Amino acid sequence: MSEDQSKLPAVSEADEKEHGAVVVSEPIRDPGIEPHEPRITDIDPKAADRVERQVSTMFGLAALLTVGSCVAYFAIPRDAELVFGPLSGNANNMTLGLTLGLALFLIGAGAIQWAKKLMVDEEIVEYRHPAHATPEQKADIIEGYQQGVEESGFTRRKLISRSLIAAMAALGLPTIIFLRDLGPLPGRKLYTTIWAKGIRVVNDVTLRPIKPSDLQVGQLVNAAPANLAPIEEESPVEYQNAKAKAAVIIVRIAPNEIRTPAGRENWGIDGILCYSKICTHVGCPISLYEQTTHHVLCPCHQSTFDLADGAKVIFGPAARPLPQLPLAVDAEGYLVAQSDFTEPVGPSFWERG
């Protein structure tokens, strides 16, 4: 028995029957790396040139298909249909999917063909080493990278490199063109709501106008503008957009507990204050109110605003106070807006001054 075999644990005959154990007579030796066998493209320049043309053709077709998707986006009507027996679908969407899908497939197939047939395929052994690199190792890495670039043929095979660059550059065109589907630019819509001078404040559930006497100290009410009905009749989509932007919370706080910001001395009515319901972080609706502290909490990311101090941020990721709506009382004693909000509501955006 060899010395290596004597070090193996003993296995009884019962264990062999129960577990199917097998006693290895000799340790398995490291077979090493098999001898490299050259490919046809390694020894035949014509075969290598033929593969180069194949790969370049794939990349070139991918670029053409990508440009074709951009043309189809504008040329095919949005409501056109394609019918295949019992199956049908939107012609514009199907064309975009086919052209872009084939373009991506051809780029991937060309890259695989390039790697398998033209790039150097000799196996190497890389021993494990500490995580940090010595200056010598860094130099070896740079040298290896440069060697890899050379062996890939990217700089030498101009036809492949240029067609690949063209295909990848063409893929950026749909990204730019398809931005159109995000809809028209908002223009000044981000800066205004449907609140205006004299618009009554109504309960957002009952739609009843609100009088100061309807509110008790410590009470918070979710409210909306009274001029939503005409918008609802004209366009349900515009109604939902207008209602979401104009949503407000009405709160009544003891006047002696309010710290009024400069310039807002006449924005409240006997401790009744009105703020936007939309969090200035990412636009979540807020109304979780703590009466004793006058804090309102956003349920999404826990931004906290002090309604007794101009709704300034006291905790969380929000960067701006809640916009305040100036209030007044009309001739019939109902709460109305003095004007629209004096600043944009909702999350910050880059054009905001």
Protein backbone atom coordinates (compact mmCIF):
# COMPACT_ATOMS: atom_id res chain seq x y z
CA MET A 1 0.00 0.00 0.00
CA SER A 2 1.35 3.41 -0.94
CA GLU A 3 1.99 6.14 1.62
CA ASP A 4 -0.86 8.32 0.20
CA GLN A 5 -3.28 5.44 0.29
CA SER A 6 -2.39 4.63 3.91
CA LYS A 7 -3.54 8.13 4.90
CA LEU A 8 -7.08 7.54 3.60
CA PRO A 9 -9.70 6.72 6.27
CA ALA A 10 -10.55 3.08 6.66
CA VAL A 11 -13.91 1.95 5.26
CA SER A 12 -15.59 -1.13 6.67
CA GLU A 13 -17.39 -3.67 4.55
CA ALA A 14 -20.68 -2.72 6.27
CA ASP A 15 -20.20 0.94 5.34
CA GLU A 16 -19.57 -0.05 1.73
CA LYS A 17 -22.86 -1.95 1.61
CA GLU A 18 -24.90 0.74 3.43
CA HIS A 19 -23.52 3.89 1.79
CA GLY A 20 -22.01 2.57 -1.38
CA ALA A 21 -18.60 3.81 -0.33
CA VAL A 22 -15.71 3.20 -2.72
CA VAL A 23 -12.10 2.98 -1.59
CA VAL A 24 -9.86 4.99 -3.91
CA SER A 25 -6.69 3.06 -4.49
CA GLU A 26 -4.71 6.05 -5.81
CA PRO A 27 -5.24 9.83 -5.46
CA ILE A 28 -6.54 11.55 -8.61
CA ARG A 29 -3.69 13.41 -10.18
CA ASP A 30 -3.96 16.92 -11.65
CA PRO A 31 -4.46 16.30 -15.38
CA GLY A 32 -3.10 19.75 -16.24
CA ILE A 33 -4.05 21.73 -19.32
CA GLU A 34 -4.67 19.78 -22.50
CA PRO A 35 -2.43 20.66 -25.47
CA HIS A 36 -3.81 23.54 -27.48
CA GLU A 37 -5.36 22.59 -30.80
CA PRO A 38 -5.40 25.41 -33.36
CA ARG A 39 -8.66 26.33 -35.05
CA ILE A 40 -9.07 26.63 -38.78
CA THR A 41 -9.06 30.43 -38.41
CA ASP A 42 -5.70 30.24 -36.63
CA ILE A 43 -3.95 28.58 -39.58
CA ASP A 44 -6.00 29.77 -42.55
CA PRO A 45 -6.04 33.57 -43.08
CA LYS A 46 -8.85 33.22 -45.62
CA ALA A 47 -11.05 31.50 -43.06
CA ALA A 48 -10.28 34.25 -40.55
CA ASP A 49 -11.17 36.93 -43.09
CA ARG A 50 -14.41 35.10 -43.85
CA VAL A 51 -15.38 35.08 -40.17
CA GLU A 52 -14.45 38.75 -39.91
CA ARG A 53 -16.86 39.55 -42.76
CA GLN A 54 -19.59 37.48 -41.08
CA VAL A 55 -19.20 39.31 -37.77
CA SER A 56 -19.08 42.70 -39.45
CA THR A 57 -22.21 41.84 -41.43
CA MET A 58 -24.05 41.03 -38.20
CA PHE A 59 -22.98 44.31 -36.63
CA GLY A 60 -23.88 46.24 -39.79
CA LEU A 61 -27.33 44.66 -39.99
CA ALA A 62 -27.87 45.48 -36.32
CA ALA A 63 -27.14 49.14 -37.03
CA LEU A 64 -29.55 49.13 -39.99
CA LEU A 65 -32.29 47.45 -37.96
CA THR A 66 -31.89 50.02 -35.19
CA VAL A 67 -32.21 52.88 -37.66
CA GLY A 68 -35.19 51.04 -39.18
CA SER A 69 -36.90 50.98 -35.78
CA CYS A 70 -36.58 54.76 -35.59
CA VAL A 71 -38.09 55.13 -39.07
CA ALA A 72 -40.93 52.74 -38.20
CA TYR A 73 -41.67 54.69 -35.03
CA PHE A 74 -42.67 57.71 -37.13
CA ALA A 75 -43.83 56.01 -40.35
CA ILE A 76 -46.29 53.41 -38.99
CA PRO A 77 -49.55 54.87 -37.62
CA ARG A 78 -50.05 54.28 -33.90
CA ASP A 79 -53.44 52.63 -34.46
CA ALA A 80 -52.35 50.31 -37.33
CA GLU A 81 -53.00 46.61 -36.71
CA LEU A 82 -51.29 43.45 -37.96
CA VAL A 83 -53.47 40.34 -38.24
CA PHE A 84 -52.07 36.80 -38.39
CA GLY A 85 -55.10 34.52 -38.55
CA PRO A 86 -56.66 34.53 -35.06
CA LEU A 87 -53.80 36.66 -33.72
CA SER A 88 -53.49 40.41 -34.05
CA GLY A 89 -51.39 43.19 -32.58
CA ASN A 90 -50.36 46.79 -32.86
CA ALA A 91 -48.21 47.17 -35.98
CA ASN A 92 -46.06 49.94 -34.53
CA ASN A 93 -45.22 48.06 -31.35
CA MET A 94 -44.58 44.78 -33.16
CA THR A 95 -42.23 46.41 -35.66
CA LEU A 96 -40.28 48.15 -32.92
CA GLY A 97 -39.99 44.92 -30.97
CA LEU A 98 -38.83 42.89 -33.97
CA THR A 99 -36.27 45.40 -35.23
CA LEU A 100 -34.74 46.18 -31.86
CA GLY A 101 -34.87 42.55 -30.76
CA LEU A 102 -33.09 41.36 -33.92
CA ALA A 103 -30.54 44.17 -33.59
CA LEU A 104 -29.63 43.12 -30.06
CA PHE A 105 -29.55 39.44 -31.10
CA LEU A 106 -27.18 40.16 -34.00
CA ILE A 107 -24.84 42.18 -31.77
CA GLY A 108 -24.73 39.32 -29.28
CA ALA A 109 -24.32 36.63 -31.95
CA GLY A 110 -21.59 38.62 -33.67
CA ALA A 111 -19.72 39.08 -30.40
CA ILE A 112 -19.90 35.32 -29.69
CA GLN A 113 -18.69 34.43 -33.20
CA TRP A 114 -15.87 36.93 -32.86
CA ALA A 115 -14.77 35.51 -29.50
CA LYS A 116 -15.00 31.85 -30.56
CA LYS A 117 -13.38 32.10 -33.98
CA LEU A 118 -10.98 35.04 -33.93
CA MET A 119 -9.89 35.91 -30.40
CA VAL A 120 -7.02 33.93 -28.89
CA ASP A 121 -8.42 30.85 -27.09
CA GLU A 122 -5.39 29.36 -25.37
CA GLU A 123 -6.07 28.32 -21.78
CA ILE A 124 -3.90 29.75 -19.03
CA VAL A 125 -3.45 29.11 -15.32
CA GLU A 126 -3.90 32.01 -12.91
CA TYR A 127 -2.82 31.28 -9.34
CA ARG A 128 -4.60 32.82 -6.39
CA HIS A 129 -2.92 35.81 -4.83
CA PRO A 130 -3.57 38.33 -2.03
CA ALA A 131 -6.27 40.93 -2.65
CA HIS A 132 -3.80 43.83 -2.75
CA ALA A 133 -1.55 44.23 -5.75
CA THR A 134 2.13 45.02 -5.77
CA PRO A 135 3.57 47.49 -8.28
CA GLU A 136 4.89 44.55 -10.27
CA GLN A 137 1.45 42.97 -10.35
CA LYS A 138 -0.13 46.24 -11.46
CA ALA A 139 2.39 46.43 -14.28
CA ASP A 140 1.53 42.84 -15.21
CA ILE A 141 -2.20 43.70 -15.22
CA ILE A 142 -1.65 46.65 -17.55
CA GLU A 143 0.53 44.53 -19.78
CA GLY A 144 -2.10 41.78 -19.77
CA TYR A 145 -4.83 44.26 -20.68
CA GLN A 146 -2.81 45.60 -23.56
CA GLN A 147 -2.05 42.06 -24.67
CA GLY A 148 -5.77 41.23 -24.51
CA VAL A 149 -6.61 44.22 -26.68
CA GLU A 150 -4.04 43.09 -29.20
CA GLU A 151 -5.16 39.45 -29.15
CA SER A 152 -8.84 40.40 -29.51
CA GLY A 153 -7.99 42.01 -32.83
CA PHE A 154 -10.12 45.04 -31.99
CA THR A 155 -7.45 47.50 -33.09
CA ARG A 156 -6.16 45.30 -35.90
CA ARG A 157 -9.43 44.19 -37.49
CA LYS A 158 -10.83 47.57 -38.43
CA LEU A 159 -13.91 46.18 -40.17
CA ILE A 160 -15.16 44.52 -36.99
CA SER A 161 -14.33 47.42 -34.69
CA ARG A 162 -15.95 50.02 -36.93
CA SER A 163 -19.11 47.98 -37.52
CA LEU A 164 -19.42 47.27 -33.79
CA ILE A 165 -19.04 50.95 -32.93
CA ALA A 166 -21.69 51.80 -35.54
CA ALA A 167 -24.10 49.20 -34.15
CA MET A 168 -23.66 50.33 -30.54
CA ALA A 169 -23.94 54.01 -31.49
CA ALA A 170 -27.15 53.32 -33.40
CA LEU A 171 -28.69 51.78 -30.28
CA GLY A 172 -28.64 55.22 -28.70
CA LEU A 173 -31.02 56.64 -31.31
CA PRO A 174 -34.19 54.84 -30.12
CA THR A 175 -33.44 55.88 -26.55
CA ILE A 176 -33.57 59.52 -27.61
CA ILE A 177 -36.50 59.21 -30.03
CA PHE A 178 -38.69 57.15 -27.69
CA LEU A 179 -38.56 59.94 -25.11
CA ARG A 180 -41.47 61.34 -27.12
CA ASP A 181 -43.70 58.67 -25.58
CA LEU A 182 -43.21 60.24 -22.16
CA GLY A 183 -45.71 62.84 -23.32
CA PRO A 184 -45.58 66.56 -24.03
CA LEU A 185 -43.35 68.79 -21.93
CA PRO A 186 -45.23 70.18 -18.91
CA GLY A 187 -44.35 73.80 -19.59
CA ARG A 188 -45.66 76.00 -16.77
CA LYS A 189 -48.07 73.35 -15.48
CA LEU A 190 -45.64 72.39 -12.73
CA TYR A 191 -45.80 75.90 -11.32
CA THR A 192 -49.57 76.33 -10.97
CA THR A 193 -52.70 74.60 -9.69
CA ILE A 194 -56.40 75.36 -10.18
CA TRP A 195 -56.56 77.31 -6.92
CA ALA A 196 -57.38 80.98 -7.54
CA LYS A 197 -58.75 83.98 -5.71
CA GLY A 198 -62.22 83.31 -4.30
CA ILE A 199 -62.23 79.52 -4.83
CA ARG A 200 -63.96 77.88 -1.89
CA VAL A 201 -62.32 75.17 0.17
CA VAL A 202 -64.47 72.01 0.30
CA ASN A 203 -64.20 68.71 2.15
CA ASP A 204 -62.61 66.25 -0.30
CA VAL A 205 -65.15 63.52 0.60
CA THR A 206 -68.47 65.32 1.06
CA LEU A 207 -67.54 68.30 -1.19
CA ARG A 208 -69.25 70.58 1.33
CA PRO A 209 -67.81 74.09 1.75
CA ILE A 210 -66.01 74.66 5.03
CA LYS A 211 -66.64 77.45 7.53
CA PRO A 212 -64.18 78.38 10.29
CA SER A 213 -66.77 77.29 12.85
CA ASP A 214 -66.72 73.76 11.38
CA LEU A 215 -63.16 73.20 12.62
CA GLN A 216 -62.07 72.51 16.19
CA VAL A 217 -58.61 73.24 17.59
CA GLY A 218 -56.43 70.20 16.91
CA GLN A 219 -58.53 69.03 13.95
CA LEU A 220 -57.11 68.29 10.51
CA VAL A 221 -59.32 67.97 7.41
CA ASN A 222 -58.41 66.83 3.90
CA ALA A 223 -59.79 69.34 1.42
CA ALA A 224 -59.95 70.30 -2.25
CA PRO A 225 -60.94 73.30 -4.40
CA ALA A 226 -64.61 73.75 -5.28
CA ASN A 227 -63.98 74.30 -9.01
CA LEU A 228 -63.26 70.68 -9.94
CA ALA A 229 -66.73 69.79 -11.30
CA PRO A 230 -66.38 71.52 -14.70
CA ILE A 231 -63.00 69.84 -15.26
CA GLU A 232 -64.48 66.42 -14.41
CA GLU A 233 -67.23 66.85 -16.99
CA GLU A 234 -64.74 67.87 -19.68
CA SER A 235 -61.96 65.31 -19.13
CA PRO A 236 -61.67 62.60 -16.45
CA VAL A 237 -57.88 62.51 -16.91
CA GLU A 238 -57.44 66.25 -16.48
CA TYR A 239 -59.80 66.09 -13.47
CA GLN A 240 -57.61 63.53 -11.71
CA ASN A 241 -54.45 65.52 -12.48
CA ALA A 242 -55.96 68.78 -11.26
CA LYS A 243 -57.40 67.18 -8.12
CA ALA A 244 -54.07 65.54 -7.24
CA LYS A 245 -52.08 68.76 -7.60
CA ALA A 246 -54.59 70.90 -5.70
CA ALA A 247 -55.11 68.56 -2.72
CA VAL A 248 -54.66 70.36 0.62
CA ILE A 249 -54.88 69.80 4.35
CA ILE A 250 -56.68 72.26 6.64
CA VAL A 251 -55.60 72.38 10.27
CA ARG A 252 -56.71 74.49 13.24
CA ILE A 253 -54.10 75.35 15.84
CA ALA A 254 -54.37 77.60 18.88
CA PRO A 255 -53.21 81.03 17.61
CA ASN A 256 -50.75 81.48 20.47
CA GLU A 257 -48.91 78.30 19.38
CA ILE A 258 -48.34 79.41 15.78
CA ARG A 259 -45.00 80.86 14.65
CA THR A 260 -46.00 82.75 11.54
CA PRO A 261 -43.29 83.23 8.87
CA ALA A 262 -42.67 86.78 7.75
CA GLY A 263 -45.06 87.92 5.06
CA ARG A 264 -47.77 85.39 5.95
CA GLU A 265 -49.43 87.27 8.78
CA ASN A 266 -52.83 87.33 7.00
CA TRP A 267 -52.71 83.83 5.44
CA GLY A 268 -54.63 82.13 8.26
CA ILE A 269 -58.06 82.60 9.85
CA ASP A 270 -58.19 82.34 13.67
CA GLY A 271 -55.50 79.64 13.73
CA ILE A 272 -56.80 77.88 10.59
CA LEU A 273 -53.94 77.14 8.17
CA CYS A 274 -53.94 75.45 4.79
CA TYR A 275 -50.99 73.53 3.27
CA SER A 276 -50.40 71.39 0.21
CA LYS A 277 -51.08 67.71 0.86
CA ILE A 278 -48.21 66.66 -1.45
CA CYS A 279 -44.89 65.85 0.21
CA THR A 280 -42.03 67.90 -1.19
CA HIS A 281 -39.76 64.83 -1.27
CA VAL A 282 -41.29 62.50 -3.91
CA GLY A 283 -44.93 63.59 -3.88
CA CYS A 284 -46.64 61.17 -1.50
CA PRO A 285 -49.96 62.33 0.03
CA ILE A 286 -49.65 63.22 3.71
CA SER A 287 -52.15 63.66 6.53
CA LEU A 288 -50.77 61.71 9.53
CA TYR A 289 -51.18 64.47 12.10
CA GLU A 290 -49.99 64.64 15.70
CA GLN A 291 -52.09 67.20 17.54
CA THR A 292 -49.82 67.85 20.51
CA THR A 293 -46.74 68.67 18.45
CA HIS A 294 -48.53 69.95 15.30
CA HIS A 295 -46.33 67.65 13.25
CA VAL A 296 -47.58 65.96 10.08
CA LEU A 297 -45.77 62.84 8.84
CA CYS A 298 -45.29 61.52 5.31
CA PRO A 299 -45.99 57.76 5.34
CA CYS A 300 -43.56 57.00 2.50
CA HIS A 301 -40.19 58.16 3.84
CA GLN A 302 -41.07 59.72 7.22
CA SER A 303 -40.46 63.34 6.28
CA THR A 304 -41.97 65.39 9.12
CA PHE A 305 -43.29 68.94 8.87
CA ASP A 306 -44.19 71.39 11.66
CA LEU A 307 -47.52 72.94 10.65
CA ALA A 308 -47.30 75.51 13.46
CA ASP A 309 -44.03 76.84 12.04
CA GLY A 310 -44.70 77.33 8.33
CA ALA A 311 -44.64 73.54 7.71
CA LYS A 312 -40.86 73.54 7.83
CA VAL A 313 -39.05 70.20 7.63
CA ILE A 314 -37.89 68.90 11.00
CA PHE A 315 -37.02 65.33 9.96
CA GLY A 316 -36.58 63.17 6.90
CA PRO A 317 -35.36 63.53 3.32
CA ALA A 318 -37.69 66.37 2.23
CA ALA A 319 -35.75 69.55 1.47
CA ARG A 320 -38.56 72.15 1.37
CA PRO A 321 -41.49 73.10 3.62
CA LEU A 322 -45.01 72.31 2.44
CA PRO A 323 -46.32 75.19 0.31
CA GLN A 324 -48.99 77.20 2.16
CA LEU A 325 -52.25 78.37 0.56
CA PRO A 326 -53.38 81.86 1.69
CA LEU A 327 -56.92 81.74 3.17
CA ALA A 328 -59.72 84.25 3.54
CA VAL A 329 -63.47 84.21 4.30
CA ASP A 330 -66.06 85.12 1.66
CA ALA A 331 -69.29 87.07 2.17
CA GLU A 332 -71.16 83.93 3.22
CA GLY A 333 -68.57 82.95 5.82
CA TYR A 334 -66.90 80.11 3.92
CA LEU A 335 -63.15 79.57 3.64
CA VAL A 336 -61.74 80.61 0.26
CA ALA A 337 -58.30 80.95 -1.27
CA GLN A 338 -56.74 84.37 -1.57
CA SER A 339 -54.76 83.16 -4.60
CA ASP A 340 -52.98 80.12 -5.99
CA PHE A 341 -49.94 78.76 -4.17
CA THR A 342 -47.06 81.21 -4.39
CA GLU A 343 -44.59 78.39 -5.17
CA PRO A 344 -44.75 75.04 -7.01
CA VAL A 345 -46.28 72.15 -5.09
CA GLY A 346 -44.88 68.65 -4.93
CA PRO A 347 -41.34 67.32 -5.39
CA SER A 348 -38.52 69.59 -6.44
CA PHE A 349 -37.52 69.67 -10.10
CA TRP A 350 -34.43 71.07 -11.75
CA GLU A 351 -36.04 74.08 -13.45
CA ARG A 352 -37.55 75.27 -10.18
CA GLY A 353 -36.14 78.62 -9.12
